[in-house]
Amino acid sequence: MGAFIRKVLLLTAVLSLICIFQNGKAYAISNPSKKVKVKKPEVSASSSNKRSTSTKPIKVASRGSGAFMGSADISSVLSYAKKYTGTRYVYGASGPNGFDCSGFTMHVMGNFGIKLPHTARGQSAYGIAVPKNNLKPGDLVFFATSGNSSISHVGIYIGGGSFIHAATSSGITVSRLSESYYSRRYVTARRIIG
């Protein structure tokens, strides 16, 4: 009987946490005693069925920190990323003399005040989901390259069907989403810059 009650209490706790996250609240992992509110993207006051025509950049909340992602100038972000073209791939590195894929995106976005974790899968939880046919320069694109469906690679979309990323074979390079290797492994994209 005691084991059954513990299981019910555990299930209740898990469901409560799910409800908390769905309502836009999270607890800071680094300081469990501190409650932190996750802010949702600002939306237009117009009807939710209509698209916003506002030209004001959307600020996107980062996961669990309550800090806003940036509205950095996209051309500056892309220029900064491209200056590392040819820099070697180093597993676990975040620059500036070597990068792995998530270290590269973390470094580039960090230069513009946007803090991301150092894993592709972790970064895929930030920003807002973007359909592949609606990609804009600056969006992060994610792939499953480890032989399963789990996200294991990330790059920065630069427009024209191309993205810049840290490839194990060639370091920082530009590739096309339509290349068979990447098109078969594409998983999702996230917009972290409004």
N, C-alpha and C. Protein backbone atom coordinates (compact mmCIF):
# COMPACT_ATOMS: atom_id res chain seq x y z
N MET A 1 0.83 -1.20 0.00
CA MET A 1 0.00 0.00 0.00
C MET A 1 0.86 1.25 0.00
N GLY A 2 1.95 1.26 0.81
CA GLY A 2 2.85 2.41 0.89
C GLY A 2 3.53 2.68 -0.44
N ALA A 3 3.91 1.62 -1.17
CA ALA A 3 4.55 1.79 -2.48
C ALA A 3 3.57 2.41 -3.47
N PHE A 4 2.32 2.00 -3.41
CA PHE A 4 1.30 2.55 -4.30
C PHE A 4 1.11 4.05 -4.05
N ILE A 5 1.07 4.46 -2.80
CA ILE A 5 0.90 5.88 -2.46
C ILE A 5 2.11 6.69 -2.95
N ARG A 6 3.33 6.13 -2.80
CA ARG A 6 4.52 6.83 -3.28
C ARG A 6 4.46 7.01 -4.79
N LYS A 7 3.98 5.99 -5.51
CA LYS A 7 3.87 6.10 -6.97
C LYS A 7 2.84 7.16 -7.36
N VAL A 8 1.73 7.20 -6.65
CA VAL A 8 0.70 8.21 -6.93
C VAL A 8 1.24 9.61 -6.66
N LEU A 9 1.96 9.78 -5.56
CA LEU A 9 2.55 11.08 -5.23
C LEU A 9 3.59 11.50 -6.26
N LEU A 10 4.41 10.55 -6.71
CA LEU A 10 5.40 10.85 -7.73
C LEU A 10 4.73 11.26 -9.04
N LEU A 11 3.71 10.53 -9.45
CA LEU A 11 2.98 10.85 -10.67
C LEU A 11 2.34 12.23 -10.56
N THR A 12 1.77 12.54 -9.40
CA THR A 12 1.16 13.86 -9.18
C THR A 12 2.20 14.96 -9.29
N ALA A 13 3.38 14.73 -8.73
CA ALA A 13 4.46 15.73 -8.80
C ALA A 13 4.89 15.96 -10.24
N VAL A 14 5.04 14.88 -11.02
CA VAL A 14 5.44 15.00 -12.42
C VAL A 14 4.39 15.77 -13.21
N LEU A 15 3.12 15.42 -13.02
CA LEU A 15 2.05 16.12 -13.73
C LEU A 15 2.00 17.59 -13.33
N SER A 16 2.26 17.89 -12.07
CA SER A 16 2.28 19.28 -11.62
C SER A 16 3.39 20.05 -12.32
N LEU A 17 4.57 19.43 -12.47
CA LEU A 17 5.66 20.10 -13.17
C LEU A 17 5.33 20.36 -14.62
N ILE A 18 4.68 19.40 -15.26
CA ILE A 18 4.27 19.59 -16.65
C ILE A 18 3.32 20.77 -16.76
N CYS A 19 2.36 20.84 -15.87
CA CYS A 19 1.41 21.96 -15.87
C CYS A 19 2.13 23.29 -15.64
N ILE A 20 3.11 23.29 -14.75
CA ILE A 20 3.87 24.52 -14.48
C ILE A 20 4.58 24.98 -15.74
N PHE A 21 5.25 24.06 -16.45
CA PHE A 21 5.96 24.45 -17.66
C PHE A 21 4.99 24.90 -18.75
N GLN A 22 3.83 24.26 -18.87
CA GLN A 22 2.87 24.66 -19.88
C GLN A 22 2.29 26.03 -19.59
N ASN A 23 2.26 26.42 -18.36
CA ASN A 23 1.75 27.74 -18.00
C ASN A 23 2.84 28.80 -18.05
N GLY A 24 4.02 28.44 -18.56
CA GLY A 24 5.08 29.43 -18.73
C GLY A 24 5.91 29.70 -17.51
N LYS A 25 5.92 28.79 -16.55
CA LYS A 25 6.73 28.98 -15.35
C LYS A 25 7.74 27.85 -15.26
N ALA A 26 8.91 28.17 -14.77
CA ALA A 26 9.95 27.16 -14.58
C ALA A 26 10.76 27.53 -13.36
N TYR A 27 11.49 26.58 -12.87
CA TYR A 27 12.37 26.85 -11.74
C TYR A 27 13.80 26.82 -12.22
N ALA A 28 14.57 27.75 -11.75
CA ALA A 28 15.97 27.82 -12.16
C ALA A 28 16.70 26.59 -11.64
N ILE A 29 17.40 25.91 -12.53
CA ILE A 29 18.12 24.70 -12.15
C ILE A 29 19.29 25.05 -11.25
N SER A 30 19.95 26.17 -11.54
CA SER A 30 21.12 26.53 -10.75
C SER A 30 20.78 26.99 -9.35
N ASN A 31 19.55 27.42 -9.11
CA ASN A 31 19.13 27.88 -7.79
C ASN A 31 17.70 27.39 -7.55
N PRO A 32 17.54 26.15 -7.10
CA PRO A 32 16.21 25.57 -6.98
C PRO A 32 15.26 26.35 -6.07
N SER A 33 15.79 27.16 -5.17
CA SER A 33 14.91 27.89 -4.26
C SER A 33 14.37 29.16 -4.90
N LYS A 34 14.90 29.53 -6.07
CA LYS A 34 14.49 30.77 -6.72
C LYS A 34 13.51 30.47 -7.85
N LYS A 35 12.30 31.03 -7.77
CA LYS A 35 11.33 30.87 -8.84
C LYS A 35 11.64 31.86 -9.95
N VAL A 36 11.58 31.38 -11.19
CA VAL A 36 11.85 32.25 -12.33
C VAL A 36 10.72 32.08 -13.32
N LYS A 37 10.17 33.16 -13.80
CA LYS A 37 9.10 33.11 -14.77
C LYS A 37 9.67 33.14 -16.18
N VAL A 38 9.20 32.25 -17.03
CA VAL A 38 9.60 32.26 -18.42
C VAL A 38 8.62 33.14 -19.17
N LYS A 39 9.15 34.13 -19.86
CA LYS A 39 8.27 35.04 -20.60
C LYS A 39 8.02 34.47 -21.97
N LYS A 40 6.79 34.55 -22.41
CA LYS A 40 6.42 34.06 -23.72
C LYS A 40 6.61 35.17 -24.75
N PRO A 41 6.72 34.82 -26.04
CA PRO A 41 6.87 35.84 -27.05
C PRO A 41 5.72 36.84 -26.98
N GLU A 42 6.06 38.13 -27.23
CA GLU A 42 5.03 39.15 -27.25
C GLU A 42 4.16 38.92 -28.48
N VAL A 43 2.87 39.09 -28.32
CA VAL A 43 1.97 38.93 -29.46
C VAL A 43 1.14 40.18 -29.62
N SER A 44 0.64 40.34 -30.80
CA SER A 44 -0.19 41.50 -31.10
C SER A 44 -1.48 41.43 -30.31
N ALA A 45 -2.03 42.59 -30.00
CA ALA A 45 -3.29 42.64 -29.27
C ALA A 45 -4.46 42.27 -30.16
N SER A 46 -4.22 42.15 -31.46
CA SER A 46 -5.30 41.80 -32.38
C SER A 46 -5.72 40.36 -32.17
N SER A 47 -6.74 39.95 -32.85
CA SER A 47 -7.28 38.60 -32.71
C SER A 47 -6.20 37.56 -32.94
N SER A 48 -6.24 36.47 -32.17
CA SER A 48 -5.24 35.42 -32.30
C SER A 48 -5.34 34.71 -33.64
N ASN A 49 -6.46 34.87 -34.36
CA ASN A 49 -6.61 34.24 -35.66
C ASN A 49 -5.94 35.05 -36.76
N LYS A 50 -5.57 36.30 -36.47
CA LYS A 50 -4.94 37.15 -37.47
C LYS A 50 -3.46 37.23 -37.22
N ARG A 51 -2.68 37.35 -38.30
CA ARG A 51 -1.24 37.52 -38.16
C ARG A 51 -0.94 38.96 -37.79
N SER A 52 0.07 39.13 -36.93
CA SER A 52 0.47 40.47 -36.52
C SER A 52 1.18 41.16 -37.68
N THR A 53 0.87 42.42 -37.89
CA THR A 53 1.54 43.18 -38.93
C THR A 53 2.55 44.14 -38.33
N SER A 54 2.81 44.00 -37.04
CA SER A 54 3.75 44.86 -36.35
C SER A 54 5.15 44.67 -36.91
N THR A 55 5.90 45.76 -37.05
CA THR A 55 7.28 45.68 -37.51
C THR A 55 8.24 45.58 -36.34
N LYS A 56 7.71 45.67 -35.12
CA LYS A 56 8.54 45.57 -33.93
C LYS A 56 9.07 44.14 -33.81
N PRO A 57 10.39 43.98 -33.57
CA PRO A 57 10.93 42.62 -33.46
C PRO A 57 10.28 41.87 -32.30
N ILE A 58 10.05 40.59 -32.52
CA ILE A 58 9.51 39.74 -31.47
C ILE A 58 10.66 39.35 -30.57
N LYS A 59 10.49 39.53 -29.27
CA LYS A 59 11.51 39.10 -28.33
C LYS A 59 11.13 37.71 -27.86
N VAL A 60 12.06 36.80 -27.92
CA VAL A 60 11.78 35.42 -27.58
C VAL A 60 12.47 35.06 -26.28
N ALA A 61 11.73 34.49 -25.36
CA ALA A 61 12.29 34.14 -24.05
C ALA A 61 13.13 32.88 -24.16
N SER A 62 14.26 32.89 -23.47
CA SER A 62 15.08 31.70 -23.42
C SER A 62 14.48 30.74 -22.41
N ARG A 63 14.75 29.48 -22.57
CA ARG A 63 14.14 28.46 -21.74
C ARG A 63 14.65 28.55 -20.30
N GLY A 64 13.75 28.74 -19.37
CA GLY A 64 14.06 28.63 -17.96
C GLY A 64 14.82 29.78 -17.34
N SER A 65 15.29 30.76 -18.11
CA SER A 65 16.10 31.81 -17.50
C SER A 65 15.32 33.10 -17.31
N GLY A 66 14.24 33.28 -18.05
CA GLY A 66 13.48 34.50 -17.95
C GLY A 66 14.12 35.65 -18.71
N ALA A 67 15.34 35.45 -19.25
CA ALA A 67 16.01 36.51 -20.00
C ALA A 67 15.53 36.49 -21.45
N PHE A 68 15.45 37.65 -22.05
CA PHE A 68 15.00 37.71 -23.43
C PHE A 68 16.12 37.40 -24.40
N MET A 69 15.76 36.74 -25.47
CA MET A 69 16.68 36.58 -26.58
C MET A 69 16.72 37.93 -27.28
N GLY A 70 17.63 38.08 -28.19
CA GLY A 70 17.86 39.40 -28.76
C GLY A 70 17.08 39.73 -30.01
N SER A 71 17.18 40.99 -30.36
CA SER A 71 16.68 41.46 -31.64
C SER A 71 17.88 42.05 -32.38
N ALA A 72 18.98 41.26 -32.39
CA ALA A 72 20.23 41.70 -33.01
C ALA A 72 20.04 41.89 -34.51
N ASP A 73 20.89 42.71 -35.09
CA ASP A 73 20.89 42.92 -36.53
C ASP A 73 21.36 41.63 -37.21
N ILE A 74 20.50 41.04 -38.01
CA ILE A 74 20.80 39.73 -38.63
C ILE A 74 22.06 39.80 -39.49
N SER A 75 22.22 40.87 -40.26
CA SER A 75 23.40 40.95 -41.14
C SER A 75 24.68 40.96 -40.32
N SER A 76 24.66 41.59 -39.15
CA SER A 76 25.85 41.60 -38.27
C SER A 76 26.14 40.20 -37.74
N VAL A 77 25.08 39.49 -37.36
CA VAL A 77 25.24 38.12 -36.85
C VAL A 77 25.85 37.23 -37.94
N LEU A 78 25.31 37.33 -39.17
CA LEU A 78 25.80 36.48 -40.26
C LEU A 78 27.23 36.84 -40.64
N SER A 79 27.54 38.13 -40.68
CA SER A 79 28.92 38.55 -40.99
C SER A 79 29.89 38.01 -39.95
N TYR A 80 29.49 38.09 -38.69
CA TYR A 80 30.34 37.59 -37.61
C TYR A 80 30.54 36.08 -37.75
N ALA A 81 29.47 35.36 -38.05
CA ALA A 81 29.58 33.90 -38.22
C ALA A 81 30.50 33.56 -39.38
N LYS A 82 30.34 34.25 -40.51
CA LYS A 82 31.10 33.93 -41.72
C LYS A 82 32.60 34.21 -41.57
N LYS A 83 32.96 35.11 -40.65
CA LYS A 83 34.39 35.41 -40.49
C LYS A 83 35.16 34.21 -39.96
N TYR A 84 34.45 33.22 -39.42
CA TYR A 84 35.10 32.01 -38.89
C TYR A 84 35.19 30.89 -39.93
N THR A 85 34.74 31.14 -41.15
CA THR A 85 34.79 30.11 -42.19
C THR A 85 36.20 29.55 -42.29
N GLY A 86 36.30 28.24 -42.27
CA GLY A 86 37.59 27.57 -42.35
C GLY A 86 38.21 27.25 -41.00
N THR A 87 37.68 27.82 -39.91
CA THR A 87 38.19 27.50 -38.58
C THR A 87 37.97 26.01 -38.32
N ARG A 88 38.93 25.36 -37.73
CA ARG A 88 38.88 23.90 -37.59
C ARG A 88 37.80 23.43 -36.61
N TYR A 89 37.37 22.20 -36.82
CA TYR A 89 36.42 21.54 -35.92
C TYR A 89 37.19 20.95 -34.76
N VAL A 90 36.75 21.25 -33.53
CA VAL A 90 37.33 20.65 -32.33
C VAL A 90 36.17 20.26 -31.42
N TYR A 91 36.04 18.98 -31.15
CA TYR A 91 34.94 18.51 -30.31
C TYR A 91 35.00 19.19 -28.94
N GLY A 92 33.88 19.74 -28.50
CA GLY A 92 33.77 20.37 -27.19
C GLY A 92 34.26 21.81 -27.14
N ALA A 93 34.75 22.33 -28.27
CA ALA A 93 35.32 23.69 -28.28
C ALA A 93 34.27 24.73 -28.67
N SER A 94 34.43 25.93 -28.10
CA SER A 94 33.51 27.02 -28.43
C SER A 94 34.27 28.27 -28.86
N GLY A 95 35.41 28.07 -29.51
CA GLY A 95 36.14 29.14 -30.17
C GLY A 95 37.10 29.89 -29.29
N PRO A 96 37.75 30.84 -29.89
CA PRO A 96 37.62 31.23 -31.30
C PRO A 96 38.53 30.46 -32.25
N ASN A 97 39.43 29.61 -31.73
CA ASN A 97 40.37 28.90 -32.61
C ASN A 97 39.88 27.53 -33.05
N GLY A 98 38.77 27.09 -32.53
CA GLY A 98 38.18 25.81 -32.90
C GLY A 98 36.77 25.73 -32.34
N PHE A 99 35.91 24.99 -33.02
CA PHE A 99 34.51 24.89 -32.62
C PHE A 99 33.97 23.49 -32.87
N ASP A 100 33.01 23.07 -32.04
CA ASP A 100 32.10 22.01 -32.46
C ASP A 100 30.82 22.72 -32.88
N CYS A 101 29.82 21.99 -33.32
CA CYS A 101 28.64 22.65 -33.91
C CYS A 101 27.92 23.56 -32.93
N SER A 102 27.61 23.06 -31.74
CA SER A 102 26.88 23.88 -30.78
C SER A 102 27.78 24.94 -30.14
N GLY A 103 29.08 24.66 -30.09
CA GLY A 103 30.02 25.67 -29.60
C GLY A 103 30.07 26.86 -30.54
N PHE A 104 29.95 26.58 -31.84
CA PHE A 104 29.95 27.66 -32.84
C PHE A 104 28.71 28.54 -32.71
N THR A 105 27.52 27.91 -32.68
CA THR A 105 26.29 28.71 -32.56
C THR A 105 26.24 29.43 -31.22
N MET A 106 26.72 28.78 -30.17
CA MET A 106 26.77 29.41 -28.84
C MET A 106 27.68 30.63 -28.87
N HIS A 107 28.84 30.51 -29.51
CA HIS A 107 29.81 31.60 -29.58
C HIS A 107 29.25 32.77 -30.39
N VAL A 108 28.71 32.47 -31.56
CA VAL A 108 28.20 33.53 -32.44
C VAL A 108 27.06 34.28 -31.75
N MET A 109 26.08 33.55 -31.25
CA MET A 109 24.93 34.21 -30.61
C MET A 109 25.35 34.91 -29.32
N GLY A 110 26.30 34.32 -28.61
CA GLY A 110 26.78 34.93 -27.37
C GLY A 110 27.43 36.28 -27.62
N ASN A 111 28.04 36.45 -28.79
CA ASN A 111 28.65 37.73 -29.14
C ASN A 111 27.60 38.83 -29.23
N PHE A 112 26.34 38.44 -29.41
CA PHE A 112 25.25 39.41 -29.53
C PHE A 112 24.33 39.36 -28.31
N GLY A 113 24.86 38.84 -27.21
CA GLY A 113 24.13 38.84 -25.95
C GLY A 113 23.08 37.75 -25.82
N ILE A 114 23.13 36.75 -26.69
CA ILE A 114 22.15 35.67 -26.64
C ILE A 114 22.83 34.43 -26.08
N LYS A 115 22.46 34.03 -24.89
CA LYS A 115 23.12 32.92 -24.22
C LYS A 115 22.42 31.60 -24.55
N LEU A 116 23.19 30.63 -25.02
CA LEU A 116 22.68 29.31 -25.37
C LEU A 116 23.53 28.24 -24.67
N PRO A 117 22.95 27.07 -24.42
CA PRO A 117 23.74 25.97 -23.84
C PRO A 117 24.68 25.38 -24.89
N HIS A 118 25.63 24.58 -24.45
CA HIS A 118 26.61 24.02 -25.36
C HIS A 118 26.23 22.60 -25.79
N THR A 119 25.00 22.42 -26.24
CA THR A 119 24.58 21.17 -26.89
C THR A 119 23.54 21.53 -27.94
N ALA A 120 23.56 20.81 -29.05
CA ALA A 120 22.58 21.05 -30.10
C ALA A 120 21.17 20.76 -29.58
N ARG A 121 21.04 19.66 -28.88
CA ARG A 121 19.71 19.30 -28.35
C ARG A 121 19.21 20.35 -27.37
N GLY A 122 20.08 20.86 -26.51
CA GLY A 122 19.70 21.90 -25.56
C GLY A 122 19.28 23.18 -26.27
N GLN A 123 20.00 23.54 -27.33
CA GLN A 123 19.66 24.76 -28.07
C GLN A 123 18.31 24.63 -28.78
N SER A 124 17.92 23.41 -29.10
CA SER A 124 16.65 23.21 -29.82
C SER A 124 15.43 23.51 -28.96
N ALA A 125 15.63 23.75 -27.67
CA ALA A 125 14.53 24.07 -26.77
C ALA A 125 14.33 25.58 -26.64
N TYR A 126 15.16 26.37 -27.30
CA TYR A 126 15.10 27.82 -27.19
C TYR A 126 14.34 28.43 -28.36
N GLY A 127 13.85 29.65 -28.16
CA GLY A 127 13.17 30.37 -29.23
C GLY A 127 11.83 29.77 -29.58
N ILE A 128 11.43 30.01 -30.82
CA ILE A 128 10.14 29.50 -31.30
C ILE A 128 10.37 28.62 -32.53
N ALA A 129 9.56 27.60 -32.67
CA ALA A 129 9.67 26.69 -33.81
C ALA A 129 9.33 27.42 -35.10
N VAL A 130 10.07 27.09 -36.15
CA VAL A 130 9.86 27.71 -37.46
C VAL A 130 9.74 26.61 -38.52
N PRO A 131 8.69 26.63 -39.34
CA PRO A 131 8.59 25.63 -40.41
C PRO A 131 9.75 25.80 -41.40
N LYS A 132 10.16 24.70 -41.98
CA LYS A 132 11.30 24.72 -42.91
C LYS A 132 11.06 25.67 -44.08
N ASN A 133 9.80 25.78 -44.51
CA ASN A 133 9.50 26.66 -45.65
C ASN A 133 9.37 28.13 -45.25
N ASN A 134 9.62 28.45 -43.97
CA ASN A 134 9.52 29.83 -43.50
C ASN A 134 10.82 30.28 -42.82
N LEU A 135 11.92 29.62 -43.16
CA LEU A 135 13.20 29.97 -42.54
C LEU A 135 13.63 31.38 -42.92
N LYS A 136 14.25 32.06 -41.96
CA LYS A 136 14.83 33.38 -42.20
C LYS A 136 16.28 33.34 -41.75
N PRO A 137 17.13 34.15 -42.39
CA PRO A 137 18.53 34.20 -41.94
C PRO A 137 18.61 34.46 -40.43
N GLY A 138 19.50 33.72 -39.78
CA GLY A 138 19.66 33.83 -38.33
C GLY A 138 18.97 32.72 -37.57
N ASP A 139 18.04 32.00 -38.21
CA ASP A 139 17.38 30.88 -37.54
C ASP A 139 18.38 29.74 -37.33
N LEU A 140 18.21 29.03 -36.23
CA LEU A 140 19.04 27.84 -35.99
C LEU A 140 18.36 26.65 -36.64
N VAL A 141 19.14 25.83 -37.34
CA VAL A 141 18.60 24.63 -37.99
C VAL A 141 19.23 23.41 -37.33
N PHE A 142 18.41 22.38 -37.11
CA PHE A 142 18.83 21.22 -36.33
C PHE A 142 18.69 19.92 -37.12
N PHE A 143 19.62 19.00 -36.85
CA PHE A 143 19.69 17.75 -37.58
C PHE A 143 19.94 16.59 -36.62
N ALA A 144 19.52 15.40 -37.06
CA ALA A 144 19.81 14.16 -36.34
C ALA A 144 20.89 13.44 -37.15
N THR A 145 22.14 13.57 -36.73
CA THR A 145 23.27 13.02 -37.50
C THR A 145 23.92 11.82 -36.84
N SER A 146 23.35 11.36 -35.73
CA SER A 146 23.99 10.27 -34.98
C SER A 146 23.36 8.91 -35.22
N GLY A 147 22.62 8.77 -36.28
CA GLY A 147 22.03 7.47 -36.60
C GLY A 147 20.71 7.19 -35.93
N ASN A 148 20.18 8.15 -35.18
CA ASN A 148 18.83 8.00 -34.62
C ASN A 148 18.09 9.31 -34.82
N SER A 149 16.94 9.47 -34.22
CA SER A 149 16.13 10.66 -34.45
C SER A 149 16.44 11.79 -33.47
N SER A 150 17.42 11.61 -32.60
CA SER A 150 17.76 12.61 -31.61
C SER A 150 18.62 13.73 -32.23
N ILE A 151 18.30 14.97 -31.89
CA ILE A 151 19.05 16.12 -32.42
C ILE A 151 20.50 16.05 -31.96
N SER A 152 21.42 16.17 -32.92
CA SER A 152 22.84 16.07 -32.60
C SER A 152 23.71 17.06 -33.37
N HIS A 153 23.08 17.92 -34.19
CA HIS A 153 23.86 18.88 -34.98
C HIS A 153 23.04 20.15 -35.17
N VAL A 154 23.74 21.31 -35.20
CA VAL A 154 23.07 22.60 -35.34
C VAL A 154 23.91 23.51 -36.21
N GLY A 155 23.22 24.38 -36.94
CA GLY A 155 23.89 25.40 -37.74
C GLY A 155 23.02 26.65 -37.77
N ILE A 156 23.51 27.69 -38.45
CA ILE A 156 22.79 28.96 -38.55
C ILE A 156 22.38 29.15 -40.01
N TYR A 157 21.08 29.29 -40.24
CA TYR A 157 20.58 29.50 -41.59
C TYR A 157 21.03 30.88 -42.07
N ILE A 158 21.60 30.94 -43.30
CA ILE A 158 22.10 32.22 -43.81
C ILE A 158 21.29 32.72 -45.01
N GLY A 159 20.26 31.96 -45.40
CA GLY A 159 19.43 32.35 -46.53
C GLY A 159 19.78 31.57 -47.78
N GLY A 160 18.90 31.64 -48.78
CA GLY A 160 19.14 30.97 -50.05
C GLY A 160 19.29 29.47 -49.95
N GLY A 161 18.70 28.88 -48.91
CA GLY A 161 18.78 27.43 -48.75
C GLY A 161 20.08 26.94 -48.14
N SER A 162 20.91 27.85 -47.62
CA SER A 162 22.21 27.48 -47.06
C SER A 162 22.30 27.77 -45.57
N PHE A 163 23.21 27.07 -44.92
CA PHE A 163 23.46 27.32 -43.50
C PHE A 163 24.95 27.18 -43.22
N ILE A 164 25.41 27.87 -42.18
CA ILE A 164 26.81 27.81 -41.79
C ILE A 164 26.89 27.01 -40.49
N HIS A 165 27.91 26.15 -40.42
CA HIS A 165 27.99 25.24 -39.27
C HIS A 165 29.41 24.71 -39.14
N ALA A 166 29.65 24.02 -38.03
CA ALA A 166 30.94 23.37 -37.80
C ALA A 166 30.81 21.90 -38.19
N ALA A 167 31.39 21.55 -39.31
CA ALA A 167 31.36 20.18 -39.80
C ALA A 167 32.62 19.45 -39.34
N THR A 168 32.48 18.21 -38.93
CA THR A 168 33.63 17.47 -38.40
C THR A 168 34.75 17.36 -39.44
N SER A 169 34.40 17.26 -40.72
CA SER A 169 35.40 17.05 -41.76
C SER A 169 36.05 18.34 -42.26
N SER A 170 35.33 19.46 -42.20
CA SER A 170 35.86 20.68 -42.83
C SER A 170 35.84 21.91 -41.94
N GLY A 171 35.46 21.78 -40.68
CA GLY A 171 35.40 22.94 -39.80
C GLY A 171 34.23 23.84 -40.15
N ILE A 172 34.37 25.13 -39.93
CA ILE A 172 33.26 26.05 -40.20
C ILE A 172 33.11 26.18 -41.70
N THR A 173 31.94 25.80 -42.18
CA THR A 173 31.68 25.76 -43.61
C THR A 173 30.22 26.08 -43.89
N VAL A 174 29.93 26.36 -45.14
CA VAL A 174 28.55 26.61 -45.58
C VAL A 174 28.08 25.38 -46.36
N SER A 175 26.90 24.89 -46.01
CA SER A 175 26.31 23.74 -46.70
C SER A 175 24.89 24.10 -47.12
N ARG A 176 24.34 23.28 -48.00
CA ARG A 176 22.97 23.50 -48.48
C ARG A 176 22.02 22.53 -47.77
N LEU A 177 20.86 23.05 -47.38
CA LEU A 177 19.85 22.18 -46.75
C LEU A 177 19.39 21.10 -47.71
N SER A 178 19.50 21.34 -49.01
CA SER A 178 19.04 20.39 -50.01
C SER A 178 20.03 19.25 -50.26
N GLU A 179 21.25 19.35 -49.72
CA GLU A 179 22.21 18.25 -49.86
C GLU A 179 21.57 17.01 -49.25
N SER A 180 21.72 15.87 -49.92
CA SER A 180 21.01 14.67 -49.46
C SER A 180 21.32 14.33 -48.01
N TYR A 181 22.58 14.49 -47.59
CA TYR A 181 22.94 14.16 -46.21
C TYR A 181 22.11 14.98 -45.22
N TYR A 182 22.03 16.29 -45.45
CA TYR A 182 21.31 17.16 -44.51
C TYR A 182 19.80 17.12 -44.71
N SER A 183 19.34 17.00 -45.93
CA SER A 183 17.88 16.97 -46.14
C SER A 183 17.26 15.74 -45.49
N ARG A 184 17.98 14.60 -45.49
CA ARG A 184 17.46 13.39 -44.86
C ARG A 184 17.52 13.44 -43.33
N ARG A 185 18.37 14.30 -42.80
CA ARG A 185 18.57 14.35 -41.35
C ARG A 185 17.99 15.60 -40.69
N TYR A 186 17.38 16.46 -41.48
CA TYR A 186 16.80 17.70 -40.95
C TYR A 186 15.68 17.37 -39.95
N VAL A 187 15.67 18.07 -38.80
CA VAL A 187 14.65 17.82 -37.79
C VAL A 187 13.76 19.04 -37.58
N THR A 188 14.34 20.21 -37.30
CA THR A 188 13.54 21.38 -36.99
C THR A 188 14.38 22.64 -37.10
N ALA A 189 13.75 23.78 -36.90
CA ALA A 189 14.45 25.07 -36.84
C ALA A 189 13.83 25.89 -35.73
N ARG A 190 14.64 26.77 -35.14
CA ARG A 190 14.15 27.65 -34.07
C ARG A 190 14.59 29.07 -34.36
N ARG A 191 13.69 30.01 -34.10
CA ARG A 191 14.00 31.44 -34.27
C ARG A 191 14.30 32.02 -32.89
N ILE A 192 15.52 32.49 -32.72
CA ILE A 192 15.90 33.07 -31.43
C ILE A 192 16.18 34.56 -31.54
N ILE A 193 16.17 35.06 -32.77
CA ILE A 193 16.36 36.50 -32.99
C ILE A 193 15.10 37.03 -33.64
N GLY A 194 14.47 38.02 -33.00
CA GLY A 194 13.22 38.57 -33.51
C GLY A 194 13.43 39.48 -34.68
